[in-house]
Protein backbone atom coordinates (compact mmCIF):
# COMPACT_ATOMS: atom_id res chain seq x y z
CA UNK A 1 -20.28 16.15 -27.47
CA UNK A 2 -19.72 18.72 -24.73
CA UNK A 3 -16.44 20.65 -24.98
CA UNK A 4 -14.55 22.22 -22.06
CA UNK A 5 -11.51 24.48 -22.34
CA UNK A 6 -8.92 25.13 -19.65
CA UNK A 7 -5.23 25.64 -18.96
CA UNK A 8 -4.79 22.28 -17.17
CA UNK A 9 -6.88 19.11 -17.09
CA UNK A 10 -6.17 16.66 -14.27
CA UNK A 11 -7.42 13.15 -15.04
CA UNK A 12 -8.27 11.30 -11.85
CA UNK A 13 -9.40 12.64 -8.49
CA UNK A 14 -7.43 10.32 -6.23
CA UNK A 15 -4.85 11.72 -3.85
CA UNK A 16 -2.39 12.55 -6.65
CA UNK A 17 -5.07 14.42 -8.62
CA UNK A 18 -6.31 16.27 -5.55
CA UNK A 19 -2.76 17.32 -4.59
CA UNK A 20 -2.13 18.50 -8.16
CA UNK A 21 -5.35 20.52 -8.24
CA UNK A 22 -4.72 22.07 -4.83
CA UNK A 23 -1.23 23.14 -5.82
CA UNK A 24 -2.54 24.59 -9.10
CA UNK A 25 -5.06 26.69 -7.16
CA UNK A 26 -2.31 27.86 -4.80
CA UNK A 27 -0.45 29.03 -7.93
CA UNK A 28 -3.62 30.58 -9.40
CA UNK A 29 -3.68 28.28 -12.43
CA UNK A 30 -7.12 27.43 -13.88
CA UNK A 31 -7.87 23.71 -14.07
CA UNK A 32 -10.48 21.02 -14.61
CA UNK A 33 -10.39 17.98 -12.32
CA UNK A 34 -12.06 14.87 -13.77
CA UNK A 35 -13.24 12.02 -11.57
CA UNK A 36 -14.21 8.86 -13.39
CA UNK A 37 -15.87 7.15 -10.42
CA UNK A 38 -19.64 6.99 -11.03
CA UNK A 39 -20.57 7.39 -7.35
CA UNK A 40 -19.20 10.89 -6.99
CA UNK A 41 -16.77 9.87 -4.22
CA UNK A 42 -13.40 11.44 -5.04
CA UNK A 43 -10.27 10.28 -3.27
CA UNK A 44 -9.75 6.99 -5.06
CA UNK A 45 -7.96 4.19 -3.25
CA UNK A 46 -6.57 6.58 -0.66
CA UNK A 47 -10.08 6.56 0.85
CA UNK A 48 -9.49 2.93 1.84
CA UNK A 49 -5.80 3.18 2.78
CA UNK A 50 -4.44 2.90 6.31
CA UNK A 51 -2.69 6.23 5.90
CA UNK A 52 0.94 5.45 6.75
CA UNK A 53 3.70 7.58 5.25
CA UNK A 54 7.48 7.19 5.21
CA UNK A 55 8.85 10.50 6.49
CA UNK A 56 12.18 11.58 7.95
CA UNK A 57 13.50 14.37 10.17
CA UNK A 58 10.08 15.01 11.68
CA UNK A 59 9.16 16.26 15.16
CA UNK A 60 7.67 12.83 15.86
CA UNK A 61 11.04 11.21 15.15
CA UNK A 62 12.78 13.77 17.37
CA UNK A 63 10.37 13.13 20.25
CA UNK A 64 11.03 9.41 19.90
CA UNK A 65 14.81 10.07 19.91
CA UNK A 66 15.26 8.76 16.36
CA UNK A 67 18.32 10.09 14.56
CA UNK A 68 17.68 10.21 10.82
CA UNK A 69 19.03 12.10 7.83
CA UNK A 70 18.40 12.42 4.09
CA UNK A 71 21.66 10.55 3.50
CA UNK A 72 20.63 7.60 5.66
CA UNK A 73 17.16 7.48 4.10
CA UNK A 74 18.62 7.50 0.58
CA UNK A 75 21.14 4.77 1.46
CA UNK A 76 18.32 2.60 2.86
CA UNK A 77 16.23 3.35 -0.23
CA UNK A 78 18.96 2.17 -2.61
CA UNK A 79 19.65 -0.96 -0.55
CA UNK A 80 15.95 -1.89 -0.66
CA UNK A 81 15.21 -0.89 -4.25
CA UNK A 82 18.07 -2.75 -5.98
CA UNK A 83 17.88 -0.30 -8.88
CA UNK A 84 19.21 -1.40 -12.25
CA UNK A 85 21.44 0.66 -14.50
CA UNK A 86 18.39 1.70 -16.52
CA UNK A 87 16.60 3.25 -13.53
CA UNK A 88 17.94 6.80 -13.96
CA UNK A 89 14.65 8.59 -13.23
CA UNK A 90 13.56 6.35 -10.35
CA UNK A 91 16.93 7.12 -8.73
CA UNK A 92 16.44 10.87 -9.28
CA UNK A 93 12.97 10.70 -7.73
CA UNK A 94 14.37 8.77 -4.76
CA UNK A 95 17.00 11.50 -4.26
CA UNK A 96 14.30 14.16 -4.44
CA UNK A 97 12.14 12.29 -1.92
CA UNK A 98 15.01 11.91 0.54
CA UNK A 99 15.80 15.63 0.31
CA UNK A 100 12.28 17.07 0.13
CA UNK A 101 9.86 14.75 1.98
CA UNK A 102 9.84 16.98 5.06
CA UNK A 103 8.89 20.31 3.39
CA UNK A 104 6.99 18.96 0.38
CA UNK A 105 4.91 16.33 2.20
CA UNK A 106 5.04 16.49 6.01
CA UNK A 107 5.06 20.29 6.45
CA UNK A 108 2.52 20.73 3.64
CA UNK A 109 0.10 18.28 5.27
CA UNK A 110 0.57 19.79 8.73
CA UNK A 111 -0.20 23.23 7.34
CA UNK A 112 -3.48 21.80 6.05
CA UNK A 113 -4.53 20.35 9.38
CA UNK A 114 -3.33 16.75 9.04
CA UNK A 115 -2.01 15.33 12.32
CA UNK A 116 0.12 12.23 12.86
CA UNK A 117 0.07 9.57 15.58
CA UNK A 118 2.74 10.47 18.19
CA UNK A 119 4.78 7.26 18.00
CA UNK A 120 6.68 6.30 14.84
CA UNK A 121 6.41 2.72 13.60
CA UNK A 122 9.34 0.62 12.42
CA UNK A 123 8.23 -1.26 9.30
CA UNK A 124 10.20 -3.07 6.59
CA UNK A 125 13.29 -3.48 8.75
CA UNK A 126 14.84 -5.74 6.13
CA UNK A 127 16.45 -9.13 6.51
CA UNK A 128 20.02 -8.34 5.50
CA UNK A 129 20.45 -4.57 5.67
CA UNK A 130 17.87 -3.93 2.93
CA UNK A 131 15.22 -2.10 4.93
CA UNK A 132 14.64 0.89 7.19
CA UNK A 133 17.60 1.45 9.51
CA UNK A 134 15.37 3.50 11.83
CA UNK A 135 11.60 3.93 12.37
CA UNK A 136 10.02 6.27 9.79
CA UNK A 137 6.41 5.12 9.31
CA UNK A 138 4.02 7.92 10.36
CA UNK A 139 0.31 7.14 10.69
CA UNK A 140 -2.03 9.99 9.74
CA UNK A 141 -4.97 10.49 12.07
CA UNK A 142 -8.09 9.78 10.07
CA UNK A 143 -6.19 7.26 7.92
CA UNK A 144 -6.12 7.69 4.16
CA UNK A 145 -9.72 8.84 4.04
CA UNK A 146 -9.04 11.54 6.59
CA UNK A 147 -6.18 12.85 4.47
CA UNK A 148 -8.12 13.03 1.20
CA UNK A 149 -11.30 14.40 2.78
CA UNK A 150 -9.33 17.14 4.53
CA UNK A 151 -7.65 18.10 1.26
CA UNK A 152 -10.99 18.03 -0.57
CA UNK A 153 -12.36 20.46 2.00
CA UNK A 154 -9.34 22.67 1.37
CA UNK A 155 -10.08 22.54 -2.36
CA UNK A 156 -13.69 23.48 -1.83
CA UNK A 157 -12.87 26.40 0.49
CA UNK A 158 -9.90 27.65 -1.53
CA UNK A 159 -9.82 31.41 -2.30
CA UNK A 160 -9.25 30.50 -5.97
CA UNK A 161 -12.02 27.88 -6.04
CA UNK A 162 -13.64 29.62 -9.00
CA UNK A 163 -10.55 28.68 -11.03
CA UNK A 164 -11.34 24.96 -10.66
CA UNK A 165 -14.06 22.96 -12.41
CA UNK A 166 -14.67 19.61 -10.71
CA UNK A 167 -16.50 17.08 -12.90
CA UNK A 168 -17.64 13.80 -11.34
CA UNK A 169 -18.51 10.73 -13.37
CA UNK A 170 -16.32 11.78 -16.31
CA UNK A 171 -14.22 8.81 -17.41
CA UNK A 172 -11.45 9.54 -19.87
CA UNK A 173 -10.70 6.95 -22.54
CA UNK A 174 -8.56 8.88 -25.06
CA UNK A 175 -5.82 11.50 -25.04
CA UNK A 176 -6.04 14.18 -27.73
CA UNK A 177 -2.92 14.61 -29.87
CA UNK A 178 -1.92 17.34 -32.29
CA UNK A 179 1.50 17.52 -33.98
CA UNK A 180 3.11 15.38 -31.27
CA UNK A 181 1.62 17.43 -28.43
CA UNK A 182 -1.05 16.24 -25.99
CA UNK A 183 -3.86 18.81 -26.12
CA UNK A 184 -6.40 17.36 -23.70
CA UNK A 185 -8.60 14.30 -23.52
CA UNK A 186 -12.03 12.90 -24.24
CA UNK A 187 -14.34 10.31 -22.75
CA UNK A 188 -17.85 9.53 -21.56
CA UNK A 189 -20.00 10.51 -18.60
CA UNK A 190 -21.34 7.78 -16.35
CA UNK A 191 -24.81 9.23 -15.72
CA UNK A 192 -26.03 9.81 -19.29
CA UNK A 193 -23.21 8.17 -21.28
CA UNK A 194 -22.67 11.40 -23.16
CA UNK A 195 -19.30 12.09 -24.72
CA UNK A 196 -17.14 15.02 -23.71
CA UNK A 197 -13.81 16.53 -24.66
CA UNK A 198 -11.45 18.79 -22.75
CA UNK A 199 -9.07 21.07 -24.63
CA UNK A 200 -6.11 21.92 -22.41
CA UNK A 201 -2.57 23.21 -22.68
CA UNK A 202 -1.41 20.72 -20.08
CA UNK A 203 -2.78 17.25 -19.22
CA UNK A 204 -1.91 15.47 -15.96
CA UNK A 205 -2.68 11.75 -15.74
CA UNK A 206 -3.43 10.61 -12.17
CA UNK A 207 -5.44 7.47 -12.87
CA UNK A 208 -3.74 4.95 -10.57
CA UNK A 209 -2.04 1.69 -11.40
CA UNK A 210 -2.91 -1.64 -13.02
CA UNK A 211 -3.45 -3.76 -9.93
CA UNK A 212 -7.23 -3.72 -9.97
CA UNK A 213 -7.06 -5.53 -13.32
CA UNK A 214 -6.03 -9.09 -12.41
CA UNK A 215 -5.62 -10.03 -16.07
CA UNK A 216 -3.01 -7.27 -16.49
CA UNK A 217 -1.39 -8.20 -13.19
CA UNK A 218 -0.94 -11.79 -14.37
CA UNK A 219 0.30 -10.56 -17.75
CA UNK A 220 3.11 -8.61 -16.07
CA UNK A 221 3.69 -10.99 -13.15
CA UNK A 222 7.36 -11.26 -12.17
CA UNK A 223 8.45 -14.92 -12.14
CA UNK A 224 10.50 -14.28 -8.98
CA UNK A 225 7.12 -14.65 -7.21
CA UNK A 226 6.47 -18.02 -8.82
CA UNK A 227 3.86 -18.59 -11.54
CA UNK A 228 1.09 -16.00 -12.00
CA UNK A 229 -1.50 -17.13 -9.44
CA UNK A 230 -4.89 -18.38 -10.56
CA UNK A 231 -6.18 -17.81 -7.02
CA UNK A 232 -4.96 -14.20 -6.80
CA UNK A 233 -7.09 -11.87 -4.68
CA UNK A 234 -7.62 -8.19 -5.45
CA UNK A 235 -7.03 -5.49 -2.88
CA UNK A 236 -7.36 -2.71 -5.45
CA UNK A 237 -10.45 -1.17 -6.97
CA UNK A 238 -11.36 -2.45 -10.46
CA UNK A 239 -11.10 1.22 -11.52
CA UNK A 240 -7.30 0.75 -11.34
CA UNK A 241 -7.39 -1.07 -14.66
CA UNK A 242 -4.35 0.34 -16.47
CA UNK A 243 -6.41 1.69 -19.38
CA UNK A 244 -4.64 5.06 -19.33
CA UNK A 245 -1.26 3.33 -19.35
CA UNK A 246 -2.22 2.02 -22.77
CA UNK A 247 -3.34 5.48 -23.89
CA UNK A 248 -0.09 7.08 -22.73
CA UNK A 249 1.85 4.39 -24.61
CA UNK A 250 -0.18 5.17 -27.76
CA UNK A 251 0.79 8.82 -27.32
CA UNK A 252 4.46 7.78 -27.37
CA UNK A 253 5.07 7.66 -23.62
CA UNK A 254 7.31 5.08 -22.00
CA UNK A 255 5.54 2.67 -19.64
CA UNK A 256 8.13 0.66 -17.71
CA UNK A 257 8.65 -1.80 -14.86
CA UNK A 258 5.06 -3.08 -14.73
CA UNK A 259 6.44 -6.31 -13.30
CA UNK A 260 7.32 -4.35 -10.14
CA UNK A 261 4.36 -4.55 -7.79
CA UNK A 262 3.80 -4.19 -4.07
CA UNK A 263 1.58 -7.18 -3.37
CA UNK A 264 1.09 -8.90 -0.03
CA UNK A 265 1.42 -12.52 1.06
CA UNK A 266 -1.37 -12.55 3.64
CA UNK A 267 -4.58 -11.98 1.69
CA UNK A 268 -7.92 -13.42 2.75
CA UNK A 269 -11.32 -13.36 1.08
CA UNK A 270 -13.32 -10.28 2.04
CA UNK A 271 -16.32 -11.23 4.18
CA UNK A 272 -18.35 -8.50 2.45
CA UNK A 273 -16.93 -8.34 -1.10
CA UNK A 274 -17.64 -5.30 -3.25
CA UNK A 275 -16.30 -6.84 -6.48
CA UNK A 276 -15.01 -10.13 -7.87
CA UNK A 277 -12.05 -11.68 -6.01
CA UNK A 278 -12.17 -8.89 -3.43
CA UNK A 279 -9.69 -9.56 -0.63
CA UNK A 280 -8.44 -8.06 2.61
CA UNK A 281 -4.74 -7.58 3.21
CA UNK A 282 -3.77 -8.71 6.71
CA UNK A 283 -0.98 -7.27 8.80
CA UNK A 284 -0.21 -10.74 10.10
CA UNK A 285 0.68 -11.64 13.70
CA UNK A 286 4.42 -11.96 14.20
CA UNK A 287 3.98 -14.63 16.89
CA UNK A 288 1.91 -16.90 14.63
CA UNK A 289 3.52 -19.85 12.88
CA UNK A 290 3.45 -19.52 9.10
CA UNK A 291 2.71 -22.93 7.55
CA UNK A 292 2.41 -24.32 4.04
CA UNK A 293 -0.75 -25.87 2.58
CA UNK A 294 0.01 -29.13 4.42
CA UNK A 295 0.33 -27.44 7.81
CA UNK A 296 4.13 -27.74 7.90
CA UNK A 297 6.11 -24.77 9.17
CA UNK A 298 7.73 -22.86 6.29
CA UNK A 299 11.51 -22.86 6.53
CA UNK A 300 14.34 -23.20 7.09
CA UNK A 301 14.04 -19.40 7.53
CA UNK A 302 10.67 -18.86 9.25
CA UNK A 303 8.37 -16.21 7.80
CA UNK A 304 7.79 -13.19 10.06
CA UNK A 305 6.07 -10.04 8.87
CA UNK A 306 7.52 -6.56 9.34
CA UNK A 307 10.92 -7.27 7.80
CA UNK A 308 10.69 -7.85 4.04
CA UNK A 309 7.33 -7.95 2.25
CA UNK A 310 9.03 -8.61 -1.10
CA UNK A 311 10.65 -11.75 0.33
CA UNK A 312 7.38 -12.93 1.93
CA UNK A 313 5.68 -12.75 -1.46
CA UNK A 314 8.53 -14.65 -3.09
CA UNK A 315 8.38 -17.38 -0.46
CA UNK A 316 4.60 -17.81 -0.59
CA UNK A 317 4.44 -17.40 -4.37
CA UNK A 318 6.83 -20.31 -4.81
CA UNK A 319 4.95 -22.65 -2.46
CA UNK A 320 2.92 -25.49 -3.98
CA UNK A 321 -0.54 -24.11 -4.66
CA UNK A 322 0.55 -20.63 -3.48
CA UNK A 323 -1.50 -21.16 -0.32
CA UNK A 324 -0.28 -20.69 3.24
CA UNK A 325 -1.73 -20.88 6.74
CA UNK A 326 -0.98 -18.96 9.88
CA UNK A 327 -1.63 -20.77 13.14
CA UNK A 328 -1.95 -18.91 16.44
CA UNK A 329 -4.17 -18.62 19.49
CA UNK A 330 -6.78 -16.03 20.33
CA UNK A 331 -4.44 -14.00 22.56
CA UNK A 332 -1.90 -13.63 19.75
CA UNK A 333 -4.59 -12.80 17.20
CA UNK A 334 -6.24 -10.08 19.27
CA UNK A 335 -3.00 -8.39 20.21
CA UNK A 336 -1.11 -8.64 16.94
CA UNK A 337 -3.39 -9.08 13.94
CA UNK A 338 -4.59 -6.06 11.99
CA UNK A 339 -6.13 -5.48 8.58
CA UNK A 340 -4.77 -2.80 6.27
CA UNK A 341 -7.31 -0.09 5.53
CA UNK A 342 -9.34 2.80 6.89
CA UNK A 343 -12.52 1.10 8.10
CA UNK A 344 -10.71 -1.85 9.68
CA UNK A 345 -8.85 0.61 11.93
CA UNK A 346 -11.73 2.67 13.36
CA UNK A 347 -9.77 4.15 16.28
CA UNK A 348 -7.15 5.64 13.93
CA UNK A 349 -9.87 6.58 11.45
CA UNK A 350 -11.81 8.46 14.14
CA UNK A 351 -8.74 9.94 15.88
CA UNK A 352 -9.38 8.21 19.23
CA UNK A 353 -5.96 8.43 20.86
CA UNK A 354 -7.09 7.28 24.30
CA UNK A 355 -8.77 4.22 22.83
CA UNK A 356 -5.64 3.34 20.82
CA UNK A 357 -3.58 3.58 24.02
CA UNK A 358 -6.15 1.62 26.05
CA UNK A 359 -6.29 -1.22 23.52
CA UNK A 360 -2.48 -1.36 23.42
CA UNK A 361 -2.29 -1.63 27.21
CA UNK A 362 -5.03 -4.27 27.52
CA UNK A 363 -3.68 -6.54 24.79
CA UNK A 364 -5.77 -5.51 21.81
CA UNK A 365 -9.37 -5.06 20.74
CA UNK A 366 -11.18 -8.38 20.12
CA UNK A 367 -13.83 -6.85 17.83
CA UNK A 368 -11.85 -7.30 14.59
CA UNK A 369 -10.86 -10.88 15.34
CA UNK A 370 -14.37 -11.82 16.43
CA UNK A 371 -15.73 -10.43 13.15
CA UNK A 372 -13.24 -12.41 11.08
CA UNK A 373 -13.92 -15.65 12.97
CA UNK A 374 -17.66 -15.19 12.51
CA UNK A 375 -17.70 -13.97 8.91
CA UNK A 376 -14.55 -14.87 6.96
CA UNK A 377 -14.46 -18.32 5.29
CA UNK A 378 -10.65 -18.35 5.56
CA UNK A 379 -10.58 -18.10 9.38
CA UNK A 380 -11.27 -21.12 11.58
CA UNK A 381 -11.13 -21.64 15.34
CA UNK A 382 -10.99 -24.75 17.55
CA UNK A 383 -10.13 -25.87 21.08
CA UNK A 384 -7.61 -28.58 20.15
CA UNK A 385 -5.00 -28.86 17.40
CA UNK A 386 -6.70 -32.00 16.07
CA UNK A 387 -10.02 -30.19 15.77
CA UNK A 388 -8.23 -27.21 14.20
CA UNK A 389 -6.65 -29.40 11.52
CA UNK A 390 -10.04 -30.88 10.63
CA UNK A 391 -11.54 -27.39 10.28
CA UNK A 392 -8.59 -26.26 8.15
CA UNK A 393 -9.25 -29.13 5.74
CA UNK A 394 -12.94 -28.28 5.72
CA UNK A 395 -12.23 -24.61 4.92
CA UNK A 396 -9.83 -25.58 2.12
CA UNK A 397 -12.19 -28.18 0.70
CA UNK A 398 -9.54 -30.91 0.72
CA UNK A 399 -7.46 -33.10 3.03
CA UNK A 400 -4.11 -31.42 2.51
CA UNK A 401 -3.37 -30.79 6.19
CA UNK A 402 -1.09 -33.44 7.72
CA UNK A 403 -2.41 -33.29 11.28
CA UNK A 404 0.39 -35.13 13.08
CA UNK A 405 3.13 -33.22 11.27
CA UNK A 406 1.47 -29.88 11.99
CA UNK A 407 1.10 -30.65 15.69
CA UNK A 408 4.75 -31.80 15.83
CA UNK A 409 5.92 -28.47 14.32
CA UNK A 410 3.77 -26.44 16.73
CA UNK A 411 4.98 -28.35 19.76
CA UNK A 412 8.62 -28.05 18.66
CA UNK A 413 8.24 -24.26 18.60
CA UNK A 414 6.38 -24.15 21.92
CA UNK A 415 9.02 -26.38 23.55
CA UNK A 416 11.76 -24.07 22.30
CA UNK A 417 10.05 -21.15 24.08
CA UNK A 418 9.60 -23.23 27.24
CA UNK A 419 13.33 -24.03 27.53
CA UNK A 420 14.02 -20.46 28.56
CA UNK A 421 16.04 -17.52 27.30
CA UNK A 422 19.46 -19.17 27.58
CA UNK A 423 18.42 -22.09 25.37
CA UNK A 424 16.25 -20.33 22.77
CA UNK A 425 17.38 -21.38 19.29
CA UNK A 426 14.84 -20.29 16.68
CA UNK A 427 15.07 -17.43 14.18
CA UNK A 428 11.44 -16.40 14.78
CA UNK A 429 12.13 -16.06 18.51
CA UNK A 430 15.21 -13.97 17.76
CA UNK A 431 13.18 -11.66 15.51
CA UNK A 432 10.39 -11.35 18.07
CA UNK A 433 12.89 -10.27 20.70
CA UNK A 434 14.34 -7.72 18.28
CA UNK A 435 10.87 -6.38 17.44
CA UNK A 436 10.04 -5.90 21.12
CA UNK A 437 13.11 -3.72 21.65
CA UNK A 438 11.18 -0.89 19.96
CA UNK A 439 8.46 0.32 22.35
CA UNK A 440 5.58 0.69 19.84
CA UNK A 441 6.21 -2.90 18.71
CA UNK A 442 6.44 -4.12 22.31
CA UNK A 443 2.85 -2.99 22.84
CA UNK A 444 1.57 -5.01 19.90
CA UNK A 445 3.84 -8.06 20.03
CA UNK A 446 3.33 -10.85 22.55
CA UNK A 447 6.21 -11.77 24.84
CA UNK A 448 7.14 -15.16 23.35
CA UNK A 449 3.63 -16.58 23.51
CA UNK A 450 3.38 -20.36 22.85
CA UNK A 451 0.71 -21.49 20.40
CA UNK A 452 -0.88 -24.30 22.39
CA UNK A 453 -1.63 -22.62 25.72
CA UNK A 454 -4.72 -23.11 27.88
CA UNK A 455 -4.45 -19.45 28.93
CA UNK A 456 -4.16 -18.22 25.34
CA UNK A 457 -7.73 -18.95 24.29
CA UNK A 458 -8.91 -21.03 21.35
CA UNK A 459 -6.59 -21.96 18.50
CA UNK A 460 -7.02 -20.04 15.24
CA UNK A 461 -5.86 -20.80 11.70
CA UNK A 462 -6.04 -18.34 8.80
CA UNK A 463 -5.84 -19.52 5.19
CA UNK A 464 -3.93 -16.94 3.15
CA UNK A 465 -3.04 -16.27 -0.46
CA UNK A 466 -1.35 -13.55 -2.47
CA UNK A 467 -3.29 -10.31 -2.87
CA UNK A 468 -2.73 -7.69 -5.57
CA UNK A 469 -2.28 -4.17 -4.18
CA UNK A 470 -0.04 -1.51 -5.75
CA UNK A 471 1.81 -0.86 -9.01
CA UNK A 472 5.47 0.07 -8.54
CA UNK A 473 6.08 0.61 -12.24
CA UNK A 474 4.28 2.81 -14.74
CA UNK A 475 4.63 5.90 -16.91
CA UNK A 476 8.19 7.18 -16.94
CA UNK A 477 8.46 10.77 -15.72
CA UNK A 478 11.26 13.19 -15.02
CA UNK A 479 11.35 15.10 -11.73
CA UNK A 480 9.05 17.73 -13.23
CA UNK A 481 6.43 14.95 -13.62
CA UNK A 482 6.63 15.24 -17.42
CA UNK A 483 5.98 11.98 -19.26
CA UNK A 484 8.97 10.90 -21.33
CA UNK A 485 8.97 9.34 -24.79
CA UNK A 486 11.03 6.42 -26.07
CA UNK A 487 14.19 8.51 -26.39
CA UNK A 488 13.80 10.11 -22.96
CA UNK A 489 12.39 13.45 -24.10
CA UNK A 490 9.37 15.09 -22.48
CA UNK A 491 6.14 14.76 -24.47
CA UNK A 492 4.79 18.31 -24.82
CA UNK A 493 1.68 18.89 -22.73
CA UNK A 494 1.70 15.52 -20.92
CA UNK A 495 2.35 14.97 -17.21
CA UNK A 496 1.60 12.15 -14.78
CA UNK A 497 1.62 11.63 -11.02
CA UNK A 498 0.99 9.03 -8.34
CA UNK A 499 0.60 5.31 -8.85
CA UNK A 500 0.23 5.80 -12.61
CA UNK A 501 3.97 6.56 -12.62
CA UNK A 502 5.02 3.86 -10.17
CA UNK A 503 4.93 6.75 -7.67
CA UNK A 504 7.61 8.61 -9.61
CA UNK A 505 9.83 8.01 -12.63
CA UNK A 506 8.24 4.69 -13.55
CA UNK A 507 9.34 2.96 -10.36
CA UNK A 508 10.72 5.10 -7.52
CA UNK A 509 10.94 2.11 -5.15
CA UNK A 510 12.56 -0.40 -7.47
CA UNK A 511 11.73 -3.96 -6.47
CA UNK A 512 11.12 -3.23 -2.78
CA UNK A 513 9.35 -0.39 -1.01
CA UNK A 514 10.38 0.83 2.41
CA UNK A 515 6.58 0.97 2.98
CA UNK A 516 4.64 4.21 3.39
CA UNK A 517 6.01 5.56 0.10
CA UNK A 518 2.67 5.49 -1.72
CA UNK A 519 0.35 8.22 -0.38
CA UNK A 520 3.34 10.46 0.23
CA UNK A 521 4.61 10.17 -3.34
CA UNK A 522 1.15 10.95 -4.72
CA UNK A 523 1.53 14.30 -2.98
CA UNK A 524 5.14 14.86 -4.07
CA UNK A 525 4.46 13.89 -7.72
CA UNK A 526 1.30 15.99 -7.94
CA UNK A 527 2.83 19.09 -6.41
CA UNK A 528 5.85 18.82 -8.71
CA UNK A 529 3.59 18.54 -11.75
CA UNK A 530 1.67 21.68 -10.79
CA UNK A 531 4.81 23.63 -9.98
CA UNK A 532 6.37 22.60 -13.28
CA UNK A 533 3.30 23.70 -15.22
CA UNK A 534 3.26 27.05 -13.41
CA UNK A 535 7.02 27.54 -13.83
CA UNK A 536 7.42 27.61 -10.04
CA UNK A 537 9.74 24.63 -9.33
């Protein structure tokens, strides 16, 4: 067994671990950063993330004439989260985020060369005052991968780089304990399967959530989303298996709120899967009709994305079979549909501002939709609604679609649009009009586009199911990122950051995220852990 000794060991080289290590170097604290991934590609799931962050009081908001404040952000946060009386530390973390997101996250990233898209997006608006009152979603140029790769370059070029030992392929499976204090960790290397141990004064766990382990996800599934789905897709790496949650619990740490997850309702099977049940998470078209497994429009309140992801998952999770369809035409799909992630957004990934603007002005880039139609088994296209229904049944492997009923629902919606503005009477139309009041959404939302339209291109149907994404519960931490025991006291030597902690306190977002609170909290949690260790809070 190979033994290492250091002041701080950081377990996990995702964004939270990288931010922790970078802050430790800034404070001249020696550390070892362990990355369990066998391929030697640090960055974790942030490498695949779209890269949006919820930020307030930024220059981008000012340029877009958005009036925001820490008080308004915190009020929105509480309305969305629905904290319980037991959520003391999640509430404290939310207060800290509202007060400190500008200096601790935005300014810190800008100082390290991260740039943001000029317009601010308005996501999670809420259905009944439980969302963002104003636009706050900032997209980082380069997406999630651009953020982590930039920070990794900063690590490598840091003046105190000799204070950091970076070990790839070192997977931790046990925390070391001595007299109630965590004194490091041990595990195995992926290349030679040798064992190793790290003796450290401080241990920071940054190993992600549980949502890559579908067995654990089903074990902790909240019944508000219906029964635990047998057909659940995975949008998280299998490395996010929750193993270190179990180790922290063995060490006496509280692990709470694992039923709180940020899953998505519009998952499809990945055309090029990298692991079992691998799915893609769609950002669904707002102008599409969301139907149940029989092709009937879901209601009475129609489902429209961009308002309340938590509610969408509840609605779809309680449908028979937990299967839904979205029906649209090619024009809607090209302009409005997107897929969450770095590589499915190449213009943002590569920082091509002119191309982003050009695609917005011309009604979208057809490349993504053409790829999905050609390669994804959950996407079908046809020239008539009758032909579409037949292909939907073929894709599902059954005869669940009621063709006449589906066509009747589509035509009822189209006829409502055709009656004109004074006679519109449909909640989806009302929401579409509200979405288009905000200029960035106007560019990517059709102007009341009917579904059956000879000028709209072929009809498209997408078969969707729930997809597992992010853990919003986890190891309970105080605002110094110290892991707390069963009586709320800090366990000596043990810290945690990022998704492992539910992004702060064991569930900083409660039951509902305002979206964009994931990458940003990895940074806030990690920096707070390092500052606490160095006595520099």
